[in-house]
Amino acid sequence: GINAEYGGERKKLLPDSTSKSLFGDASDKTRIIKDRYWLVMQRTQRHDLFTPPVPGASTQSNKFSLQTVEQVLGQQGEHNHTIVLAMIVQIEEGKYYLEDPSSHMLCDLSAAKFHVGMFTENTFVLAEGSFDEVNSVFKVTGVGLPPPEPPRITRNYFGNTNFFGGPASTCVSSIQLLRDIEKEKQNAMFVFVSDVWLDQPAVLNKLKTMFTGYSKVPPFAFVFFGNFTSDQCHRDTVSKMRAGFKALSDILSSYPTLCSDSHFLFIPGRQDPGPGPVLPRPALPASIVEPVTRKLTHVHMCSNPVRVQYCSQEMVLFRENLINKMCRHCIKFPQRNEELHVHLAKTLLSQGHLAPLPLHAMPVYWSHDHALRLYPIPDVVVVADKYDAFSVSASDCLMFNPGSFPKSNFSFKVYLPAQKKIENCEIAA
């Protein structure tokens, strides 16, 4: 994606064209949080609930005023129903604070009602409550996520500038020719398969069955997520993976139509060989995947996450066991009146980021944090997780998880871009 920061004075997203090294300095680390905050804040201030009321309008009672932490600390007397947009942090062990660029304050969450979402440290929240001057603590009565902003509304404010990345100067959704091509290709499909364990004969056999089924009508793309071996990374992993890709290449030689017509995307998992768990993660080493790259006409060894543009649609593809990790770091476990994947989807879209966790829980290259942003919200977000398969539609975005191929009876998902529709598929025993 294109690195852009919000210019408060001009109220615009301003592209940052300065070159970035892989290992940033301390200023890059602090900028991560500041940039995330301002992107969420400017979006929240535009929401109907927080725009200034029109004099004489009948809806004035439904409007709210956002306060900064500094404003709350400077208030005299008791002020109920104060709303603050701030990040939850743990400055002292066992004590939670609300922090924004202006200041920070101790908060009491014991009586707080948590709304839909996964609330971890480093999550930006709307906290409602009152400040207790005697004990210098903000007593929180309600905690919610900042409202996400559908991409069409974002475009109304920032125009059709392409912040997603790619060669186009404008966002692809604004290009009529691409929209027309998308409608024409009604049968185009993306096949998403996660945990493609190439060291397991059962997985290879099922892939062969899949290729046989699609050989007469080649999909536009096969998207294969790691991990590409079934066990933890150890000294034999590289040789096992190389043998696995050689076996996949041998299978594909029986399907020349797929090899020449379909695109193949390979996205590494956490256990695959590479520089470590820091995000964004580079593509698989060329020495391992050489058998496949020589066989296929359209092969793409991708980073994790990776951004894909298809006609007028923007897609973000990510391989990470997010649900498990988010649940482990939650301040309060999500309410059971919603499925966990609903909490996850709403949290990611609200935060505008794929990894709204502390850096010690999910390390990120400081100068490349923008690669994990979800703002403006893309059309499709694929979170390949070992958790059960799911699909959620929210804020004009389709988010889904194909599930673990070998652990879910060899099930996978097919996405039809022209219809914006997902099909659940399974290879019978």
Protein backbone atom coordinates (compact mmCIF):
# COMPACT_ATOMS: atom_id res chain seq x y z
CA GLY A 1 0.00 0.00 0.00
CA ILE A 2 0.95 3.64 -0.36
CA ASN A 3 2.16 5.19 2.87
CA ALA A 4 -0.01 8.21 3.66
CA GLU A 5 -0.48 10.32 6.75
CA TYR A 6 -3.40 12.54 7.70
CA GLY A 7 -2.54 16.22 7.49
CA GLY A 8 -4.61 17.82 10.25
CA GLU A 9 -4.32 21.39 8.97
CA ARG A 10 -5.25 20.58 5.36
CA LYS A 11 -7.56 17.71 6.38
CA LYS A 12 -6.19 15.51 3.64
CA LEU A 13 -4.42 12.19 3.32
CA LEU A 14 -0.93 13.14 2.19
CA PRO A 15 1.27 10.51 0.50
CA ASP A 16 4.69 10.01 2.09
CA SER A 17 7.17 9.33 -0.72
CA THR A 18 10.31 9.19 1.45
CA SER A 19 12.28 5.96 1.15
CA LYS A 20 12.00 3.60 4.12
CA SER A 21 14.64 1.24 5.42
CA LEU A 22 13.61 -2.15 6.73
CA PHE A 23 14.79 -1.32 10.25
CA GLY A 24 13.35 2.02 11.28
CA ASP A 25 14.46 4.32 14.08
CA ALA A 26 12.65 5.38 17.25
CA SER A 27 10.63 8.06 15.44
CA ASP A 28 9.15 5.39 13.17
CA LYS A 29 7.95 3.45 16.22
CA THR A 30 6.13 6.44 17.73
CA ARG A 31 4.72 7.37 14.33
CA ILE A 32 2.99 3.96 14.07
CA ILE A 33 0.61 4.83 16.91
CA LYS A 34 0.17 8.49 15.97
CA ASP A 35 -0.73 7.67 12.37
CA ARG A 36 -3.21 5.00 13.45
CA TYR A 37 -4.79 7.45 15.92
CA TRP A 38 -5.25 10.29 13.43
CA LEU A 39 -6.68 8.03 10.76
CA VAL A 40 -9.28 6.77 13.26
CA MET A 41 -9.93 10.20 14.79
CA GLN A 42 -10.53 12.12 11.53
CA ARG A 43 -12.91 9.38 10.39
CA THR A 44 -14.80 9.35 13.70
CA GLN A 45 -15.18 13.14 13.76
CA ARG A 46 -16.98 12.96 10.40
CA HIS A 47 -19.49 10.38 11.63
CA ASP A 48 -23.09 11.56 12.04
CA LEU A 49 -22.97 10.98 15.80
CA PHE A 50 -20.06 13.38 16.29
CA THR A 51 -20.57 16.13 13.71
CA PRO A 52 -21.66 19.46 15.26
CA PRO A 53 -25.47 19.77 15.47
CA VAL A 54 -27.29 22.04 13.06
CA PRO A 55 -29.06 24.84 14.98
CA GLY A 56 -32.77 24.13 15.17
CA ALA A 57 -32.46 20.53 13.93
CA SER A 58 -34.61 17.94 15.70
CA THR A 59 -31.72 15.46 16.02
CA GLN A 60 -29.54 17.59 18.30
CA SER A 61 -30.15 15.26 21.25
CA ASN A 62 -28.54 12.39 19.34
CA LYS A 63 -25.23 14.19 18.86
CA PHE A 64 -22.14 13.59 21.00
CA SER A 65 -19.00 15.58 21.61
CA LEU A 66 -15.57 13.95 21.53
CA GLN A 67 -13.13 15.06 24.21
CA THR A 68 -9.36 14.65 24.32
CA VAL A 69 -7.73 13.24 27.45
CA GLU A 70 -6.20 16.64 28.17
CA GLN A 71 -9.66 18.28 28.06
CA VAL A 72 -11.06 15.72 30.50
CA LEU A 73 -8.19 16.24 32.93
CA GLY A 74 -8.72 20.01 32.77
CA GLN A 75 -12.46 19.90 33.52
CA GLN A 76 -13.75 21.21 36.83
CA GLY A 77 -16.43 19.28 38.72
CA GLU A 78 -18.31 16.12 37.71
CA HIS A 79 -19.03 15.66 34.01
CA ASN A 80 -21.16 12.64 33.15
CA HIS A 81 -21.36 11.05 29.71
CA THR A 82 -17.96 12.28 28.59
CA ILE A 83 -16.74 10.42 25.49
CA VAL A 84 -13.05 10.01 24.75
CA LEU A 85 -11.36 8.47 21.71
CA ALA A 86 -8.15 6.99 23.05
CA MET A 87 -5.94 3.92 23.11
CA ILE A 88 -6.10 1.41 25.94
CA VAL A 89 -2.60 0.91 27.39
CA GLN A 90 -1.11 -0.68 30.50
CA ILE A 91 1.53 1.80 31.70
CA GLU A 92 1.71 0.15 35.14
CA GLU A 93 1.17 -3.56 35.58
CA GLY A 94 -2.49 -4.31 36.28
CA LYS A 95 -3.59 -0.68 35.70
CA TYR A 96 -5.18 0.42 32.44
CA TYR A 97 -4.89 3.91 31.04
CA LEU A 98 -6.53 5.83 28.23
CA GLU A 99 -3.95 7.62 26.10
CA ASP A 100 -4.08 9.98 23.13
CA PRO A 101 -1.51 12.46 21.73
CA SER A 102 -2.52 15.07 24.33
CA SER A 103 -2.04 13.04 27.55
CA HIS A 104 -3.01 9.87 29.43
CA MET A 105 -5.23 9.10 32.43
CA LEU A 106 -5.89 6.15 34.70
CA CYS A 107 -9.24 4.47 34.01
CA ASP A 108 -11.50 2.16 35.99
CA LEU A 109 -13.07 -0.52 33.76
CA SER A 110 -14.71 -2.56 36.55
CA ALA A 111 -18.24 -1.26 35.82
CA ALA A 112 -17.79 -0.80 32.07
CA LYS A 113 -20.10 -2.40 29.55
CA PHE A 114 -18.12 -3.69 26.57
CA HIS A 115 -19.91 -3.60 23.23
CA VAL A 116 -19.23 -5.76 20.16
CA GLY A 117 -15.53 -6.15 19.42
CA MET A 118 -12.24 -7.55 20.66
CA PHE A 119 -10.66 -5.05 23.04
CA THR A 120 -6.94 -5.54 23.57
CA GLU A 121 -4.12 -3.24 24.61
CA ASN A 122 -3.30 -0.79 21.80
CA THR A 123 -6.93 -0.82 20.63
CA PHE A 124 -8.49 2.59 19.97
CA VAL A 125 -11.84 2.81 21.74
CA LEU A 126 -14.67 5.19 22.41
CA ALA A 127 -14.83 5.27 26.21
CA GLU A 128 -17.84 6.85 27.92
CA GLY A 129 -17.78 7.80 31.58
CA SER A 130 -16.94 10.50 34.10
CA PHE A 131 -13.73 11.75 35.70
CA ASP A 132 -13.36 11.33 39.46
CA GLU A 133 -11.23 14.28 40.57
CA VAL A 134 -10.75 12.93 44.10
CA ASN A 135 -9.13 9.67 42.96
CA SER A 136 -7.85 11.04 39.61
CA VAL A 137 -9.45 8.21 37.69
CA PHE A 138 -11.80 8.10 34.70
CA LYS A 139 -14.69 5.80 35.61
CA VAL A 140 -15.73 4.10 32.40
CA THR A 141 -19.36 3.05 31.94
CA GLY A 142 -19.19 1.94 28.30
CA VAL A 143 -16.49 0.84 25.85
CA GLY A 144 -17.13 0.60 22.11
CA LEU A 145 -15.24 0.60 18.84
CA PRO A 146 -14.98 3.74 16.69
CA PRO A 147 -17.47 3.44 13.81
CA PRO A 148 -15.91 2.17 10.57
CA GLU A 149 -16.31 4.23 7.41
CA PRO A 150 -17.51 2.61 4.16
CA PRO A 151 -15.07 3.30 1.30
CA ARG A 152 -17.62 5.26 -0.76
CA ILE A 153 -17.82 7.85 2.08
CA THR A 154 -14.03 7.99 2.39
CA ARG A 155 -13.83 8.70 -1.35
CA ASN A 156 -16.29 11.59 -0.96
CA TYR A 157 -13.73 13.35 1.25
CA PHE A 158 -10.43 12.31 -0.32
CA GLY A 159 -11.42 11.80 -3.95
CA ASN A 160 -10.26 8.92 -6.12
CA THR A 161 -6.58 9.01 -5.20
CA ASN A 162 -5.13 5.51 -5.15
CA PHE A 163 -3.95 4.78 -1.59
CA PHE A 164 -4.15 1.02 -2.07
CA GLY A 165 -1.04 0.64 -4.22
CA GLY A 166 -0.42 -0.57 -7.75
CA PRO A 167 0.29 1.26 -11.02
CA ALA A 168 -2.95 3.25 -11.32
CA SER A 169 -2.95 6.87 -10.15
CA THR A 170 -6.65 6.68 -9.24
CA CYS A 171 -8.43 3.95 -7.29
CA VAL A 172 -9.54 1.11 -9.55
CA SER A 173 -13.18 1.34 -8.45
CA SER A 174 -13.43 4.70 -10.24
CA ILE A 175 -12.30 3.34 -13.62
CA GLN A 176 -15.36 2.53 -15.76
CA LEU A 177 -13.45 0.32 -18.20
CA LEU A 178 -12.36 -2.01 -15.38
CA ARG A 179 -15.93 -2.19 -14.05
CA ASP A 180 -17.17 -3.18 -17.51
CA ILE A 181 -14.52 -5.90 -17.86
CA GLU A 182 -15.45 -7.23 -14.43
CA LYS A 183 -19.11 -7.57 -15.42
CA GLU A 184 -18.19 -9.33 -18.64
CA LYS A 185 -16.16 -11.98 -16.83
CA GLN A 186 -19.10 -13.55 -14.97
CA ASN A 187 -17.32 -16.91 -14.60
CA ALA A 188 -14.04 -15.58 -13.23
CA MET A 189 -13.23 -17.06 -9.85
CA PHE A 190 -10.59 -17.05 -7.12
CA VAL A 191 -9.97 -20.35 -5.28
CA PHE A 192 -8.68 -19.85 -1.72
CA VAL A 193 -7.00 -22.75 0.09
CA SER A 194 -5.25 -22.39 3.47
CA ASP A 195 -2.74 -24.68 5.20
CA VAL A 196 -1.56 -26.36 2.01
CA TRP A 197 0.62 -29.01 3.70
CA LEU A 198 2.69 -30.22 0.77
CA ASP A 199 4.44 -32.84 2.95
CA GLN A 200 1.15 -34.70 3.46
CA PRO A 201 0.14 -37.23 0.75
CA ALA A 202 -3.56 -36.76 1.62
CA VAL A 203 -3.32 -33.03 0.86
CA LEU A 204 -1.54 -33.64 -2.45
CA ASN A 205 -4.18 -36.18 -3.47
CA LYS A 206 -6.99 -33.72 -2.72
CA LEU A 207 -5.21 -30.99 -4.67
CA LYS A 208 -5.02 -33.36 -7.61
CA THR A 209 -8.78 -33.94 -7.33
CA MET A 210 -9.32 -30.16 -7.22
CA PHE A 211 -7.17 -29.57 -10.30
CA THR A 212 -9.06 -32.29 -12.17
CA GLY A 213 -12.37 -30.59 -11.35
CA TYR A 214 -11.18 -27.18 -12.52
CA SER A 215 -9.12 -28.32 -15.53
CA LYS A 216 -11.89 -27.69 -18.08
CA VAL A 217 -12.87 -24.30 -16.63
CA PRO A 218 -9.65 -22.77 -15.24
CA PRO A 219 -10.21 -20.27 -12.41
CA PHE A 220 -8.65 -16.85 -12.75
CA ALA A 221 -6.48 -17.58 -9.71
CA PHE A 222 -5.59 -20.19 -7.14
CA VAL A 223 -4.53 -18.59 -3.85
CA PHE A 224 -2.53 -20.98 -1.64
CA PHE A 225 -1.78 -19.93 1.94
CA GLY A 226 0.86 -21.52 4.17
CA ASN A 227 1.91 -23.12 6.29
CA PHE A 228 3.27 -25.35 3.53
CA THR A 229 4.41 -28.08 5.94
CA SER A 230 2.46 -29.73 8.73
CA ASP A 231 4.96 -29.32 11.58
CA GLN A 232 7.01 -26.59 13.24
CA CYS A 233 9.96 -25.12 11.37
CA HIS A 234 13.14 -27.13 12.03
CA ARG A 235 16.33 -28.08 10.22
CA ASP A 236 14.55 -30.45 7.80
CA THR A 237 11.75 -28.03 6.89
CA VAL A 238 13.49 -26.50 3.86
CA SER A 239 14.23 -29.89 2.27
CA LYS A 240 10.65 -31.06 3.01
CA MET A 241 9.19 -27.92 1.46
CA ARG A 242 11.38 -28.19 -1.61
CA ALA A 243 10.25 -31.82 -2.03
CA GLY A 244 6.63 -30.71 -1.51
CA PHE A 245 6.81 -28.04 -4.23
CA LYS A 246 8.47 -30.58 -6.53
CA ALA A 247 5.52 -32.95 -5.88
CA LEU A 248 3.06 -30.12 -6.59
CA SER A 249 4.91 -29.33 -9.82
CA ASP A 250 4.67 -32.98 -10.90
CA ILE A 251 0.91 -32.96 -10.27
CA LEU A 252 0.43 -29.70 -12.20
CA SER A 253 2.25 -31.13 -15.27
CA SER A 254 -0.88 -33.20 -15.93
CA TYR A 255 -2.97 -30.00 -16.22
CA PRO A 256 -1.37 -27.81 -18.93
CA THR A 257 -4.47 -25.60 -19.23
CA LEU A 258 -4.26 -24.60 -15.57
CA CYS A 259 -0.51 -24.05 -15.84
CA SER A 260 -0.91 -21.65 -18.77
CA ASP A 261 -4.22 -19.90 -18.00
CA SER A 262 -4.58 -19.60 -14.21
CA HIS A 263 -2.64 -17.36 -11.84
CA PHE A 264 -1.10 -19.04 -8.79
CA LEU A 265 -0.44 -17.02 -5.62
CA PHE A 266 1.60 -18.47 -2.74
CA ILE A 267 1.44 -16.63 0.61
CA PRO A 268 3.74 -17.80 3.43
CA GLY A 269 2.56 -18.75 6.91
CA ARG A 270 4.22 -18.13 10.27
CA GLN A 271 5.94 -21.55 10.34
CA ASP A 272 7.38 -21.34 6.83
CA PRO A 273 11.11 -20.58 6.38
CA GLY A 274 11.86 -16.89 6.44
CA PRO A 275 13.34 -14.05 8.50
CA GLY A 276 10.98 -14.57 11.45
CA PRO A 277 7.48 -13.64 12.64
CA VAL A 278 7.77 -9.87 12.02
CA LEU A 279 5.16 -8.42 9.65
CA PRO A 280 4.97 -7.72 6.76
CA ARG A 281 6.66 -11.00 5.86
CA PRO A 282 8.55 -11.41 2.56
CA ALA A 283 7.76 -14.08 -0.03
CA LEU A 284 9.03 -17.65 0.16
CA PRO A 285 12.71 -18.07 -0.85
CA ALA A 286 13.16 -18.65 -4.59
CA SER A 287 15.39 -21.68 -4.01
CA ILE A 288 12.52 -23.56 -2.34
CA VAL A 289 9.78 -22.83 -4.88
CA GLU A 290 11.85 -23.14 -8.06
CA PRO A 291 10.11 -26.37 -9.28
CA VAL A 292 6.75 -24.54 -9.35
CA THR A 293 8.01 -21.25 -10.76
CA ARG A 294 9.52 -23.08 -13.74
CA LYS A 295 6.26 -24.95 -14.42
CA LEU A 296 3.68 -22.15 -14.21
CA THR A 297 3.16 -19.25 -16.61
CA HIS A 298 1.54 -16.89 -14.08
CA VAL A 299 3.05 -17.53 -10.65
CA HIS A 300 3.29 -14.95 -7.87
CA MET A 301 5.32 -15.51 -4.71
CA CYS A 302 3.66 -13.01 -2.41
CA SER A 303 4.43 -11.24 0.83
CA ASN A 304 2.20 -11.66 3.88
CA PRO A 305 -0.04 -9.69 3.84
CA VAL A 306 -0.43 -9.02 0.13
CA ARG A 307 -2.64 -6.59 -1.79
CA VAL A 308 -4.35 -7.72 -4.99
CA GLN A 309 -6.26 -5.63 -7.52
CA TYR A 310 -8.69 -7.45 -9.77
CA CYS A 311 -10.53 -5.18 -12.24
CA SER A 312 -12.34 -2.67 -10.03
CA GLN A 313 -11.88 -4.54 -6.74
CA GLU A 314 -9.24 -4.23 -4.02
CA MET A 315 -8.36 -7.31 -1.97
CA VAL A 316 -6.12 -7.78 1.06
CA LEU A 317 -4.97 -11.34 1.76
CA PHE A 318 -3.48 -12.22 5.15
CA ARG A 319 -2.33 -15.50 6.74
CA GLU A 320 -2.37 -15.31 10.54
CA ASN A 321 -4.17 -17.09 13.38
CA LEU A 322 -5.77 -13.83 14.47
CA ILE A 323 -8.81 -15.05 16.39
CA ASN A 324 -6.75 -17.13 18.79
CA LYS A 325 -4.22 -14.35 19.30
CA MET A 326 -6.81 -11.60 19.75
CA CYS A 327 -8.76 -13.67 22.29
CA ARG A 328 -5.60 -14.34 24.30
CA HIS A 329 -4.87 -10.63 24.61
CA CYS A 330 -8.42 -9.39 25.23
CA ILE A 331 -8.95 -7.23 28.31
CA LYS A 332 -12.43 -8.73 28.53
CA PHE A 333 -13.48 -11.80 26.56
CA PRO A 334 -16.00 -10.93 23.80
CA GLN A 335 -19.71 -11.29 24.49
CA ARG A 336 -21.19 -14.60 23.45
CA ASN A 337 -24.25 -13.03 21.81
CA GLU A 338 -22.09 -12.68 18.65
CA GLU A 339 -19.81 -15.19 16.95
CA LEU A 340 -16.09 -14.63 17.50
CA HIS A 341 -15.50 -13.96 13.82
CA VAL A 342 -18.07 -11.13 13.92
CA HIS A 343 -16.14 -9.53 16.78
CA LEU A 344 -12.92 -9.93 14.80
CA ALA A 345 -14.29 -8.46 11.56
CA LYS A 346 -15.76 -5.41 13.29
CA THR A 347 -12.54 -4.83 15.23
CA LEU A 348 -10.25 -4.95 12.18
CA LEU A 349 -12.48 -2.64 10.12
CA SER A 350 -12.94 -0.24 13.03
CA GLN A 351 -9.20 -0.05 13.74
CA GLY A 352 -8.40 0.14 10.01
CA HIS A 353 -5.55 -2.29 10.61
CA LEU A 354 -4.80 -6.02 10.34
CA ALA A 355 -2.84 -6.22 13.59
CA PRO A 356 -4.37 -4.00 16.32
CA LEU A 357 -2.23 -5.63 19.02
CA PRO A 358 0.79 -4.56 21.09
CA LEU A 359 4.05 -4.86 19.17
CA HIS A 360 5.34 -7.53 21.57
CA ALA A 361 2.33 -9.70 20.68
CA MET A 362 2.49 -9.12 16.92
CA PRO A 363 5.78 -7.50 15.87
CA VAL A 364 5.72 -5.15 12.88
CA TYR A 365 8.54 -3.48 10.96
CA TRP A 366 8.11 0.06 12.27
CA SER A 367 8.65 1.83 8.96
CA HIS A 368 6.33 -0.54 7.07
CA ASP A 369 3.28 -0.56 9.34
CA HIS A 370 1.25 1.07 6.54
CA ALA A 371 1.33 -2.28 4.69
CA LEU A 372 -1.13 -3.63 7.28
CA ARG A 373 -3.66 -0.79 7.04
CA LEU A 374 -7.25 -1.32 6.00
CA TYR A 375 -8.06 2.29 5.15
CA PRO A 376 -9.82 3.10 2.94
CA ILE A 377 -11.60 -0.20 3.54
CA PRO A 378 -10.95 -2.65 0.65
CA ASP A 379 -13.67 -4.65 -1.09
CA VAL A 380 -12.40 -8.01 0.16
CA VAL A 381 -10.31 -9.02 3.17
CA VAL A 382 -9.24 -12.66 3.46
CA VAL A 383 -7.96 -13.66 6.90
CA ALA A 384 -6.66 -17.21 6.50
CA ASP A 385 -6.93 -18.57 10.04
CA LYS A 386 -6.86 -22.06 11.51
CA TYR A 387 -10.20 -21.16 13.14
CA ASP A 388 -13.44 -22.44 11.56
CA ALA A 389 -14.28 -21.00 8.15
CA PHE A 390 -16.51 -17.92 8.16
CA SER A 391 -17.69 -15.01 6.04
CA VAL A 392 -18.91 -11.61 7.23
CA SER A 393 -20.14 -8.61 5.28
CA ALA A 394 -19.76 -5.18 6.93
CA SER A 395 -19.12 -1.60 5.79
CA ASP A 396 -19.26 -2.60 2.10
CA CYS A 397 -16.45 -5.11 2.75
CA LEU A 398 -16.55 -8.89 2.47
CA MET A 399 -14.28 -10.56 5.01
CA PHE A 400 -13.86 -14.33 5.08
CA ASN A 401 -11.66 -17.20 6.21
CA PRO A 402 -11.32 -20.30 4.00
CA GLY A 403 -10.47 -22.44 7.06
CA SER A 404 -7.69 -24.98 7.38
CA PHE A 405 -7.80 -27.27 4.32
CA PRO A 406 -6.57 -30.48 6.02
CA LYS A 407 -8.39 -29.84 9.32
CA SER A 408 -11.84 -29.07 7.88
CA ASN A 409 -12.52 -32.11 5.68
CA PHE A 410 -10.61 -30.49 2.80
CA SER A 411 -12.93 -27.53 2.49
CA PHE A 412 -12.05 -24.24 0.78
CA LYS A 413 -13.75 -21.12 -0.53
CA VAL A 414 -14.35 -19.77 -4.02
CA TYR A 415 -14.91 -16.06 -4.61
CA LEU A 416 -16.82 -14.84 -7.69
CA PRO A 417 -15.82 -11.16 -8.16
CA ALA A 418 -18.50 -10.28 -10.75
CA GLN A 419 -21.23 -11.35 -8.33
CA LYS A 420 -19.34 -10.49 -5.12
CA LYS A 421 -20.35 -13.91 -3.89
CA ILE A 422 -18.59 -16.64 -1.89
CA GLU A 423 -19.14 -20.37 -2.43
CA ASN A 424 -18.27 -22.94 0.20
CA CYS A 425 -16.61 -25.99 -1.34
CA GLU A 426 -15.44 -29.34 -0.05
CA ILE A 427 -13.64 -32.26 -1.64
CA ALA A 428 -15.56 -35.42 -0.75
CA ALA A 429 -13.72 -38.33 0.84
